């Protein structure tokens, strides 16, 4: 989850805005979990195959876990831009002994 938060932070300037976006995303995930829970209950009452109910249960749990993770994730501090790598000094080619100018 923290990798996702880091990618998101790179797209949104300011720690306050980043935190607000993470909270909004967590709320949207909770809404999605409620929809999945409704579908899971519907699958149960409609007597759909067991794997369907289990898949919806797992998806609901994972979605809630993601939302909880976003609640605890803090926007990562922006890393300093990478520094240029110094290149070795160019050397002057030495002509071979058999080559004359």
PDB file of N, CA and C in Angstrom:
ATOM      1  N   UNK A   1       0.814  -1.185   0.000  1.00  0.00           N
ATOM      2  CA  UNK A   1       0.000   0.000   0.000  1.00  0.00           C
ATOM      3  C   UNK A   1       0.855   1.244   0.000  1.00  0.00           C
ATOM      4  N   UNK A   2       1.975   1.163   0.707  1.00  0.00           N
ATOM      5  CA  UNK A   2       2.810   2.353   0.804  1.00  0.00           C
ATOM      6  C   UNK A   2       3.398   2.723  -0.547  1.00  0.00           C
ATOM      7  N   UNK A   3       3.642   1.747  -1.429  1.00  0.00           N
ATOM      8  CA  UNK A   3       4.130   2.065  -2.761  1.00  0.00           C
ATOM      9  C   UNK A   3       3.086   2.858  -3.522  1.00  0.00           C
ATOM     10  N   UNK A   4       1.823   2.476  -3.380  1.00  0.00           N
ATOM     11  CA  UNK A   4       0.746   3.205  -4.032  1.00  0.00           C
ATOM     12  C   UNK A   4       0.681   4.629  -3.513  1.00  0.00           C
ATOM     13  N   UNK A   5       0.820   4.799  -2.209  1.00  0.00           N
ATOM     14  CA  UNK A   5       0.794   6.134  -1.621  1.00  0.00           C
ATOM     15  C   UNK A   5       1.943   6.968  -2.151  1.00  0.00           C
ATOM     16  N   UNK A   6       3.098   6.352  -2.344  1.00  0.00           N
ATOM     17  CA  UNK A   6       4.263   7.079  -2.859  1.00  0.00           C
ATOM     18  C   UNK A   6       4.006   7.534  -4.292  1.00  0.00           C
ATOM     19  N   UNK A   7       3.440   6.672  -5.128  1.00  0.00           N
ATOM     20  CA  UNK A   7       3.133   7.040  -6.510  1.00  0.00           C
ATOM     21  C   UNK A   7       2.105   8.155  -6.526  1.00  0.00           C
ATOM     22  N   UNK A   8       1.101   8.038  -5.700  1.00  0.00           N
ATOM     23  CA  UNK A   8       0.063   9.060  -5.628  1.00  0.00           C
ATOM     24  C   UNK A   8       0.652  10.388  -5.168  1.00  0.00           C
ATOM     25  N   UNK A   9       1.552  10.345  -4.212  1.00  0.00           N
ATOM     26  CA  UNK A   9       2.160  11.571  -3.689  1.00  0.00           C
ATOM     27  C   UNK A   9       2.975  12.280  -4.762  1.00  0.00           C
ATOM     28  N   UNK A  10       3.567  11.526  -5.660  1.00  0.00           N
ATOM     29  CA  UNK A  10       4.347  12.152  -6.728  1.00  0.00           C
ATOM     30  C   UNK A  10       3.454  12.944  -7.674  1.00  0.00           C
ATOM     31  N   UNK A  11       2.178  12.615  -7.715  1.00  0.00           N
ATOM     32  CA  UNK A  11       1.251  13.274  -8.623  1.00  0.00           C
ATOM     33  C   UNK A  11       0.555  14.475  -7.994  1.00  0.00           C
ATOM     34  N   UNK A  12       0.580  14.584  -6.678  1.00  0.00           N
ATOM     35  CA  UNK A  12      -0.167  15.617  -5.971  1.00  0.00           C
ATOM     36  C   UNK A  12       0.790  16.428  -5.106  1.00  0.00           C
ATOM     37  N   UNK A  13       0.871  17.745  -5.362  1.00  0.00           N
ATOM     38  CA  UNK A  13       1.787  18.559  -4.561  1.00  0.00           C
ATOM     39  C   UNK A  13       1.230  18.836  -3.166  1.00  0.00           C
ATOM     40  N   UNK A  14       2.105  18.958  -2.197  1.00  0.00           N
ATOM     41  CA  UNK A  14       1.710  19.351  -0.847  1.00  0.00           C
ATOM     42  C   UNK A  14       1.219  18.205   0.004  1.00  0.00           C
ATOM     43  N   UNK A  15       1.817  18.065   1.187  1.00  0.00           N
ATOM     44  CA  UNK A  15       1.465  16.965   2.092  1.00  0.00           C
ATOM     45  C   UNK A  15       0.001  17.038   2.509  1.00  0.00           C
ATOM     46  N   UNK A  16      -0.530  18.235   2.706  1.00  0.00           N
ATOM     47  CA  UNK A  16      -1.929  18.370   3.128  1.00  0.00           C
ATOM     48  C   UNK A  16      -2.876  17.859   2.045  1.00  0.00           C
ATOM     49  N   UNK A  17      -2.601  18.219   0.795  1.00  0.00           N
ATOM     50  CA  UNK A  17      -3.432  17.733  -0.311  1.00  0.00           C
ATOM     51  C   UNK A  17      -3.288  16.225  -0.473  1.00  0.00           C
ATOM     52  N   UNK A  18      -2.077  15.723  -0.305  1.00  0.00           N
ATOM     53  CA  UNK A  18      -1.845  14.283  -0.425  1.00  0.00           C
ATOM     54  C   UNK A  18      -2.639  13.534   0.628  1.00  0.00           C
ATOM     55  N   UNK A  19      -2.612  14.034   1.857  1.00  0.00           N
ATOM     56  CA  UNK A  19      -3.373  13.394   2.932  1.00  0.00           C
ATOM     57  C   UNK A  19      -4.859  13.406   2.652  1.00  0.00           C
ATOM     58  N   UNK A  20      -5.348  14.523   2.104  1.00  0.00           N
ATOM     59  CA  UNK A  20      -6.782  14.628   1.786  1.00  0.00           C
ATOM     60  C   UNK A  20      -7.165  13.629   0.703  1.00  0.00           C
ATOM     61  N   UNK A  21      -6.304  13.467  -0.289  1.00  0.00           N
ATOM     62  CA  UNK A  21      -6.597  12.518  -1.364  1.00  0.00           C
ATOM     63  C   UNK A  21      -6.585  11.088  -0.829  1.00  0.00           C
ATOM     64  N   UNK A  22      -5.634  10.772   0.041  1.00  0.00           N
ATOM     65  CA  UNK A  22      -5.588   9.427   0.619  1.00  0.00           C
ATOM     66  C   UNK A  22      -6.840   9.144   1.441  1.00  0.00           C
ATOM     67  N   UNK A  23      -7.306  10.136   2.189  1.00  0.00           N
ATOM     68  CA  UNK A  23      -8.531   9.954   2.976  1.00  0.00           C
ATOM     69  C   UNK A  23      -9.742   9.784   2.074  1.00  0.00           C
ATOM     70  N   UNK A  24      -9.803  10.551   0.991  1.00  0.00           N
ATOM     71  CA  UNK A  24     -10.915  10.427   0.045  1.00  0.00           C
ATOM     72  C   UNK A  24     -10.908   9.040  -0.600  1.00  0.00           C
ATOM     73  N   UNK A  25      -9.736   8.571  -0.959  1.00  0.00           N
ATOM     74  CA  UNK A  25      -9.632   7.236  -1.553  1.00  0.00           C
ATOM     75  C   UNK A  25     -10.064   6.164  -0.552  1.00  0.00           C
ATOM     76  N   UNK A  26      -9.673   6.314   0.711  1.00  0.00           N
ATOM     77  CA  UNK A  26     -10.083   5.355   1.745  1.00  0.00           C
ATOM     78  C   UNK A  26     -11.605   5.331   1.863  1.00  0.00           C
ATOM     79  N   UNK A  27     -12.235   6.495   1.815  1.00  0.00           N
ATOM     80  CA  UNK A  27     -13.697   6.551   1.910  1.00  0.00           C
ATOM     81  C   UNK A  27     -14.353   5.883   0.696  1.00  0.00           C
ATOM     82  N   UNK A  28     -13.793   6.098  -0.473  1.00  0.00           N
ATOM     83  CA  UNK A  28     -14.334   5.456  -1.675  1.00  0.00           C
ATOM     84  C   UNK A  28     -14.185   3.939  -1.603  1.00  0.00           C
ATOM     85  N   UNK A  29     -13.080   3.479  -1.046  1.00  0.00           N
ATOM     86  CA  UNK A  29     -12.898   2.037  -0.881  1.00  0.00           C
ATOM     87  C   UNK A  29     -13.917   1.468   0.108  1.00  0.00           C
ATOM     88  N   UNK A  30     -14.217   2.212   1.151  1.00  0.00           N
ATOM     89  CA  UNK A  30     -15.246   1.748   2.100  1.00  0.00           C
ATOM     90  C   UNK A  30     -16.614   1.669   1.418  1.00  0.00           C
ATOM     91  N   UNK A  31     -16.905   2.636   0.561  1.00  0.00           N
ATOM     92  CA  UNK A  31     -18.162   2.587  -0.187  1.00  0.00           C
ATOM     93  C   UNK A  31     -18.189   1.362  -1.104  1.00  0.00           C
ATOM     94  N   UNK A  32     -17.064   1.082  -1.738  1.00  0.00           N
ATOM     95  CA  UNK A  32     -16.979  -0.101  -2.594  1.00  0.00           C
ATOM     96  C   UNK A  32     -17.173  -1.373  -1.778  1.00  0.00           C
ATOM     97  N   UNK A  33     -16.636  -1.401  -0.566  1.00  0.00           N
ATOM     98  CA  UNK A  33     -16.798  -2.574   0.304  1.00  0.00           C
ATOM     99  C   UNK A  33     -18.267  -2.780   0.653  1.00  0.00           C
ATOM    100  N   UNK A  34     -18.997  -1.687   0.865  1.00  0.00           N
ATOM    101  CA  UNK A  34     -20.427  -1.818   1.151  1.00  0.00           C
ATOM    102  C   UNK A  34     -21.181  -2.387  -0.044  1.00  0.00           C
ATOM    103  N   UNK A  35     -20.800  -1.968  -1.241  1.00  0.00           N
ATOM    104  CA  UNK A  35     -21.431  -2.514  -2.447  1.00  0.00           C
ATOM    105  C   UNK A  35     -21.110  -3.997  -2.585  1.00  0.00           C
ATOM    106  N   UNK A  36     -19.861  -4.361  -2.330  1.00  0.00           N
ATOM    107  CA  UNK A  36     -19.474  -5.772  -2.391  1.00  0.00           C
ATOM    108  C   UNK A  36     -20.216  -6.598  -1.341  1.00  0.00           C
ATOM    109  N   UNK A  37     -20.399  -6.015  -0.173  1.00  0.00           N
ATOM    110  CA  UNK A  37     -21.129  -6.724   0.874  1.00  0.00           C
ATOM    111  C   UNK A  37     -22.588  -6.945   0.459  1.00  0.00           C
ATOM    112  N   UNK A  38     -23.183  -5.926  -0.154  1.00  0.00           N
ATOM    113  CA  UNK A  38     -24.557  -6.084  -0.652  1.00  0.00           C
ATOM    114  C   UNK A  38     -24.605  -7.211  -1.681  1.00  0.00           C
ATOM    115  N   UNK A  39     -23.641  -7.229  -2.603  1.00  0.00           N
ATOM    116  CA  UNK A  39     -23.606  -8.272  -3.632  1.00  0.00           C
ATOM    117  C   UNK A  39     -23.397  -9.646  -3.000  1.00  0.00           C
ATOM    118  N   UNK A  40     -22.573  -9.705  -1.959  1.00  0.00           N
ATOM    119  CA  UNK A  40     -22.336 -10.973  -1.263  1.00  0.00           C
ATOM    120  C   UNK A  40     -23.624 -11.477  -0.629  1.00  0.00           C
ATOM    121  N   UNK A  41     -24.355 -10.597   0.052  1.00  0.00           N
ATOM    122  CA  UNK A  41     -25.633 -11.000   0.654  1.00  0.00           C
ATOM    123  C   UNK A  41     -26.630 -11.415  -0.410  1.00  0.00           C
ATOM    124  N   UNK A  42     -26.643 -10.693  -1.526  1.00  0.00           N
ATOM    125  CA  UNK A  42     -27.543 -11.028  -2.630  1.00  0.00           C
ATOM    126  C   UNK A  42     -27.190 -12.413  -3.188  1.00  0.00           C
ATOM    127  N   UNK A  43     -25.894 -12.688  -3.316  1.00  0.00           N
ATOM    128  CA  UNK A  43     -25.458 -13.997  -3.820  1.00  0.00           C
ATOM    129  C   UNK A  43     -25.908 -15.106  -2.878  1.00  0.00           C
ATOM    130  N   UNK A  44     -25.855 -14.836  -1.576  1.00  0.00           N
ATOM    131  CA  UNK A  44     -26.278 -15.841  -0.591  1.00  0.00           C
ATOM    132  C   UNK A  44     -27.770 -16.133  -0.726  1.00  0.00           C
ATOM    133  N   UNK A  45     -28.564 -15.070  -0.763  1.00  0.00           N
ATOM    134  CA  UNK A  45     -30.025 -15.271  -0.798  1.00  0.00           C
ATOM    135  C   UNK A  45     -30.494 -15.807  -2.140  1.00  0.00           C
ATOM    136  N   UNK A  46     -29.770 -15.508  -3.199  1.00  0.00           N
ATOM    137  CA  UNK A  46     -30.135 -16.037  -4.522  1.00  0.00           C
ATOM    138  C   UNK A  46     -29.565 -17.436  -4.732  1.00  0.00           C
ATOM    139  N   UNK A  47     -28.876 -17.927  -3.725  1.00  0.00           N
ATOM    140  CA  UNK A  47     -28.277 -19.265  -3.744  1.00  0.00           C
ATOM    141  C   UNK A  47     -27.356 -19.459  -4.951  1.00  0.00           C
ATOM    142  N   UNK A  48     -26.535 -18.454  -5.181  1.00  0.00           N
ATOM    143  CA  UNK A  48     -25.528 -18.577  -6.231  1.00  0.00           C
ATOM    144  C   UNK A  48     -24.456 -19.546  -5.753  1.00  0.00           C
ATOM    145  N   UNK A  49     -23.645 -20.073  -6.636  1.00  0.00           N
ATOM    146  CA  UNK A  49     -22.621 -21.044  -6.240  1.00  0.00           C
ATOM    147  C   UNK A  49     -21.725 -20.500  -5.123  1.00  0.00           C
ATOM    148  N   UNK A  50     -21.328 -21.409  -4.242  1.00  0.00           N
ATOM    149  CA  UNK A  50     -20.488 -21.052  -3.101  1.00  0.00           C
ATOM    150  C   UNK A  50     -19.252 -20.253  -3.455  1.00  0.00           C
ATOM    151  N   UNK A  51     -18.537 -20.616  -4.524  1.00  0.00           N
ATOM    152  CA  UNK A  51     -17.342 -19.838  -4.864  1.00  0.00           C
ATOM    153  C   UNK A  51     -17.647 -18.354  -5.128  1.00  0.00           C
ATOM    154  N   UNK A  52     -18.830 -18.054  -5.645  1.00  0.00           N
ATOM    155  CA  UNK A  52     -19.198 -16.652  -5.885  1.00  0.00           C
ATOM    156  C   UNK A  52     -19.282 -15.907  -4.572  1.00  0.00           C
ATOM    157  N   UNK A  53     -19.947 -16.498  -3.582  1.00  0.00           N
ATOM    158  CA  UNK A  53     -20.079 -15.861  -2.274  1.00  0.00           C
ATOM    159  C   UNK A  53     -18.709 -15.694  -1.631  1.00  0.00           C
ATOM    160  N   UNK A  54     -17.859 -16.720  -1.729  1.00  0.00           N
ATOM    161  CA  UNK A  54     -16.524 -16.660  -1.135  1.00  0.00           C
ATOM    162  C   UNK A  54     -15.667 -15.593  -1.804  1.00  0.00           C
ATOM    163  N   UNK A  55     -15.739 -15.485  -3.126  1.00  0.00           N
ATOM    164  CA  UNK A  55     -14.979 -14.470  -3.848  1.00  0.00           C
ATOM    165  C   UNK A  55     -15.416 -13.077  -3.405  1.00  0.00           C
ATOM    166  N   UNK A  56     -16.720 -12.870  -3.287  1.00  0.00           N
ATOM    167  CA  UNK A  56     -17.223 -11.562  -2.847  1.00  0.00           C
ATOM    168  C   UNK A  56     -16.815 -11.267  -1.404  1.00  0.00           C
ATOM    169  N   UNK A  57     -16.815 -12.283  -0.562  1.00  0.00           N
ATOM    170  CA  UNK A  57     -16.371 -12.096   0.820  1.00  0.00           C
ATOM    171  C   UNK A  57     -14.907 -11.674   0.868  1.00  0.00           C
ATOM    172  N   UNK A  58     -14.065 -12.380   0.094  1.00  0.00           N
ATOM    173  CA  UNK A  58     -12.640 -12.045   0.066  1.00  0.00           C
ATOM    174  C   UNK A  58     -12.411 -10.644  -0.495  1.00  0.00           C
ATOM    175  N   UNK A  59     -13.143 -10.291  -1.552  1.00  0.00           N
ATOM    176  CA  UNK A  59     -12.997  -8.962  -2.147  1.00  0.00           C
ATOM    177  C   UNK A  59     -13.425  -7.881  -1.156  1.00  0.00           C
ATOM    178  N   UNK A  60     -14.485  -8.144  -0.404  1.00  0.00           N
ATOM    179  CA  UNK A  60     -14.944  -7.182   0.602  1.00  0.00           C
ATOM    180  C   UNK A  60     -13.877  -6.995   1.673  1.00  0.00           C
ATOM    181  N   UNK A  61     -13.323  -8.096   2.158  1.00  0.00           N
ATOM    182  CA  UNK A  61     -12.289  -8.017   3.199  1.00  0.00           C
ATOM    183  C   UNK A  61     -11.045  -7.276   2.701  1.00  0.00           C
ATOM    184  N   UNK A  62     -10.610  -7.584   1.485  1.00  0.00           N
ATOM    185  CA  UNK A  62      -9.420  -6.923   0.942  1.00  0.00           C
ATOM    186  C   UNK A  62      -9.654  -5.427   0.745  1.00  0.00           C
ATOM    187  N   UNK A  63     -10.843  -5.084   0.297  1.00  0.00           N
ATOM    188  CA  UNK A  63     -11.154  -3.672   0.080  1.00  0.00           C
ATOM    189  C   UNK A  63     -11.147  -2.913   1.398  1.00  0.00           C
ATOM    190  N   UNK A  64     -11.699  -3.510   2.434  1.00  0.00           N
ATOM    191  CA  UNK A  64     -11.670  -2.868   3.756  1.00  0.00           C
ATOM    192  C   UNK A  64     -10.239  -2.766   4.287  1.00  0.00           C
ATOM    193  N   UNK A  65      -9.433  -3.800   4.046  1.00  0.00           N
ATOM    194  CA  UNK A  65      -8.034  -3.755   4.474  1.00  0.00           C
ATOM    195  C   UNK A  65      -7.280  -2.624   3.777  1.00  0.00           C
ATOM    196  N   UNK A  66      -7.554  -2.438   2.485  1.00  0.00           N
ATOM    197  CA  UNK A  66      -6.917  -1.343   1.757  1.00  0.00           C
ATOM    198  C   UNK A  66      -7.310   0.005   2.345  1.00  0.00           C
ATOM    199  N   UNK A  67      -8.590   0.175   2.639  1.00  0.00           N
ATOM    200  CA  UNK A  67      -9.058   1.432   3.225  1.00  0.00           C
ATOM    201  C   UNK A  67      -8.398   1.667   4.573  1.00  0.00           C
ATOM    202  N   UNK A  68      -8.300   0.623   5.390  1.00  0.00           N
ATOM    203  CA  UNK A  68      -7.645   0.760   6.695  1.00  0.00           C
ATOM    204  C   UNK A  68      -6.166   1.108   6.529  1.00  0.00           C
ATOM    205  N   UNK A  69      -5.538   0.514   5.537  1.00  0.00           N
ATOM    206  CA  UNK A  69      -4.133   0.817   5.283  1.00  0.00           C
ATOM    207  C   UNK A  69      -3.926   2.264   4.872  1.00  0.00           C
ATOM    208  N   UNK A  70      -4.840   2.789   4.079  1.00  0.00           N
ATOM    209  CA  UNK A  70      -4.735   4.192   3.686  1.00  0.00           C
ATOM    210  C   UNK A  70      -4.924   5.119   4.874  1.00  0.00           C
ATOM    211  N   UNK A  71      -5.730   4.693   5.840  1.00  0.00           N
ATOM    212  CA  UNK A  71      -5.909   5.515   7.042  1.00  0.00           C
ATOM    213  C   UNK A  71      -4.601   5.664   7.803  1.00  0.00           C
ATOM    214  N   UNK A  72      -3.774   4.640   7.755  1.00  0.00           N
ATOM    215  CA  UNK A  72      -2.519   4.683   8.512  1.00  0.00           C
ATOM    216  C   UNK A  72      -1.344   5.176   7.684  1.00  0.00           C
ATOM    217  N   UNK A  73      -1.520   5.245   6.369  1.00  0.00           N
ATOM    218  CA  UNK A  73      -0.426   5.691   5.500  1.00  0.00           C
ATOM    219  C   UNK A  73      -0.307   7.204   5.556  1.00  0.00           C
ATOM    220  N   UNK A  74       0.896   7.645   5.699  1.00  0.00           N
ATOM    221  CA  UNK A  74       1.160   9.077   5.652  1.00  0.00           C
ATOM    222  C   UNK A  74       1.789   9.369   4.304  1.00  0.00           C
ATOM    223  N   UNK A  75       1.470  10.524   3.740  1.00  0.00           N
ATOM    224  CA  UNK A  75       2.110  10.846   2.464  1.00  0.00           C
ATOM    225  C   UNK A  75       3.622  10.853   2.642  1.00  0.00           C
ATOM    226  N   UNK A  76       4.333  10.155   1.784  1.00  0.00           N
ATOM    227  CA  UNK A  76       5.792  10.104   1.921  1.00  0.00           C
ATOM    228  C   UNK A  76       6.411  11.462   1.629  1.00  0.00           C
ATOM    229  N   UNK A  77       7.496  11.750   2.306  1.00  0.00           N
ATOM    230  CA  UNK A  77       8.224  12.981   2.031  1.00  0.00           C
ATOM    231  C   UNK A  77       8.832  12.874   0.644  1.00  0.00           C
ATOM    232  N   UNK A  78       8.857  13.958  -0.023  1.00  0.00           N
ATOM    233  CA  UNK A  78       9.439  13.943  -1.369  1.00  0.00           C
ATOM    234  C   UNK A  78      10.946  13.767  -1.261  1.00  0.00           C
ATOM    235  N   UNK A  79      11.414  12.853  -2.028  1.00  0.00           N
ATOM    236  CA  UNK A  79      12.853  12.604  -2.040  1.00  0.00           C
ATOM    237  C   UNK A  79      13.536  13.695  -2.861  1.00  0.00           C
ATOM    238  N   UNK A  80      14.765  13.993  -2.503  1.00  0.00           N
ATOM    239  CA  UNK A  80      15.540  14.961  -3.273  1.00  0.00           C
ATOM    240  C   UNK A  80      15.767  14.390  -4.671  1.00  0.00           C
ATOM    241  N   UNK A  81      15.783  15.258  -5.677  1.00  0.00           N
ATOM    242  CA  UNK A  81      16.011  14.745  -7.034  1.00  0.00           C
ATOM    243  C   UNK A  81      17.375  14.075  -7.119  1.00  0.00           C
ATOM    244  N   UNK A  82      17.487  13.075  -7.958  1.00  0.00           N
ATOM    245  CA  UNK A  82      18.766  12.382  -8.073  1.00  0.00           C
ATOM    246  C   UNK A  82      19.855  13.332  -8.552  1.00  0.00           C
ATOM    247  N   UNK A  83      21.037  13.155  -8.010  1.00  0.00           N
ATOM    248  CA  UNK A  83      22.181  13.986  -8.389  1.00  0.00           C
ATOM    249  C   UNK A  83      22.834  13.388  -9.631  1.00  0.00           C
ATOM    250  N   UNK A  84      23.347  14.244 -10.515  1.00  0.00           N
ATOM    251  CA  UNK A  84      24.007  13.707 -11.709  1.00  0.00           C
ATOM    252  C   UNK A  84      25.243  12.897 -11.321  1.00  0.00           C
ATOM    253  N   UNK A  85      25.471  11.860 -12.063  1.00  0.00           N
ATOM    254  CA  UNK A  85      26.628  10.987 -11.821  1.00  0.00           C
ATOM    255  C   UNK A  85      27.813  11.576 -12.576  1.00  0.00           C
ATOM    256  N   UNK A  86      28.929  11.844 -11.885  1.00  0.00           N
ATOM    257  CA  UNK A  86      30.096  12.389 -12.596  1.00  0.00           C
ATOM    258  C   UNK A  86      30.668  11.345 -13.549  1.00  0.00           C
ATOM    259  N   UNK A  87      31.026  11.818 -14.725  1.00  0.00           N
ATOM    260  CA  UNK A  87      31.618  10.930 -15.727  1.00  0.00           C
ATOM    261  C   UNK A  87      33.130  11.074 -15.666  1.00  0.00           C
ATOM    262  N   UNK A  88      33.867   9.999 -15.886  1.00  0.00           N
ATOM    263  CA  UNK A  88      35.326  10.109 -15.875  1.00  0.00           C
ATOM    264  C   UNK A  88      35.787  11.032 -16.997  1.00  0.00           C
ATOM    265  N   UNK A  89      36.903  11.710 -16.768  1.00  0.00           N
ATOM    266  CA  UNK A  89      37.440  12.628 -17.781  1.00  0.00           C
ATOM    267  C   UNK A  89      37.780  11.857 -19.038  1.00  0.00           C
ATOM    268  N   UNK A  90      37.512  12.494 -20.165  1.00  0.00           N
ATOM    269  CA  UNK A  90      37.813  11.855 -21.447  1.00  0.00           C
ATOM    270  C   UNK A  90      39.321  11.770 -21.617  1.00  0.00           C
ATOM    271  N   UNK A  91      39.767  10.664 -22.137  1.00  0.00           N
ATOM    272  CA  UNK A  91      41.204  10.500 -22.373  1.00  0.00           C
ATOM    273  C   UNK A  91      41.481  10.695 -23.849  1.00  0.00           C
ATOM    274  N   UNK A  92      42.619  11.240 -24.127  1.00  0.00           N
ATOM    275  CA  UNK A  92      43.025  11.443 -25.511  1.00  0.00           C
ATOM    276  C   UNK A  92      43.599  10.133 -26.025  1.00  0.00           C
ATOM    277  N   UNK A  93      43.073   9.655 -27.146  1.00  0.00           N
ATOM    278  CA  UNK A  93      43.596   8.387 -27.660  1.00  0.00           C
ATOM    279  C   UNK A  93      45.063   8.524 -28.096  1.00  0.00           C
ATOM    280  N   UNK A  94      45.841   7.534 -27.795  1.00  0.00           N
ATOM    281  CA  UNK A  94      47.257   7.514 -28.171  1.00  0.00           C
ATOM    282  C   UNK A  94      47.366   6.716 -29.455  1.00  0.00           C
ATOM    283  N   UNK A  95      47.949   7.349 -30.503  1.00  0.00           N
ATOM    284  CA  UNK A  95      48.064   6.596 -31.759  1.00  0.00           C
ATOM    285  C   UNK A  95      49.001   5.408 -31.596  1.00  0.00           C
ATOM    286  N   UNK A  96      48.720   4.371 -32.310  1.00  0.00           N
ATOM    287  CA  UNK A  96      49.576   3.187 -32.228  1.00  0.00           C
ATOM    288  C   UNK A  96      50.928   3.487 -32.852  1.00  0.00           C
ATOM    289  N   UNK A  97      51.921   2.677 -32.516  1.00  0.00           N
ATOM    290  CA  UNK A  97      53.289   2.921 -32.963  1.00  0.00           C
ATOM    291  C   UNK A  97      53.402   2.861 -34.481  1.00  0.00           C
ATOM    292  N   UNK A  98      52.617   2.082 -35.139  1.00  0.00           N
ATOM    293  CA  UNK A  98      52.708   1.942 -36.586  1.00  0.00           C
ATOM    294  C   UNK A  98      51.953   3.040 -37.320  1.00  0.00           C
ATOM    295  N   UNK A  99      51.305   3.922 -36.632  1.00  0.00           N
ATOM    296  CA  UNK A  99      50.500   4.968 -37.262  1.00  0.00           C
ATOM    297  C   UNK A  99      51.216   6.303 -37.103  1.00  0.00           C
ATOM    298  N   UNK A 100      51.508   6.968 -38.228  1.00  0.00           N
ATOM    299  CA  UNK A 100      52.213   8.252 -38.178  1.00  0.00           C
ATOM    300  C   UNK A 100      51.370   9.309 -38.844  1.00  0.00           C
ATOM    301  N   UNK A 101      51.559  10.529 -38.363  1.00  0.00           N
ATOM    302  CA  UNK A 101      50.837  11.657 -38.962  1.00  0.00           C
ATOM    303  C   UNK A 101      51.735  12.468 -39.806  1.00  0.00           C
TER     304      UNK A 101
END
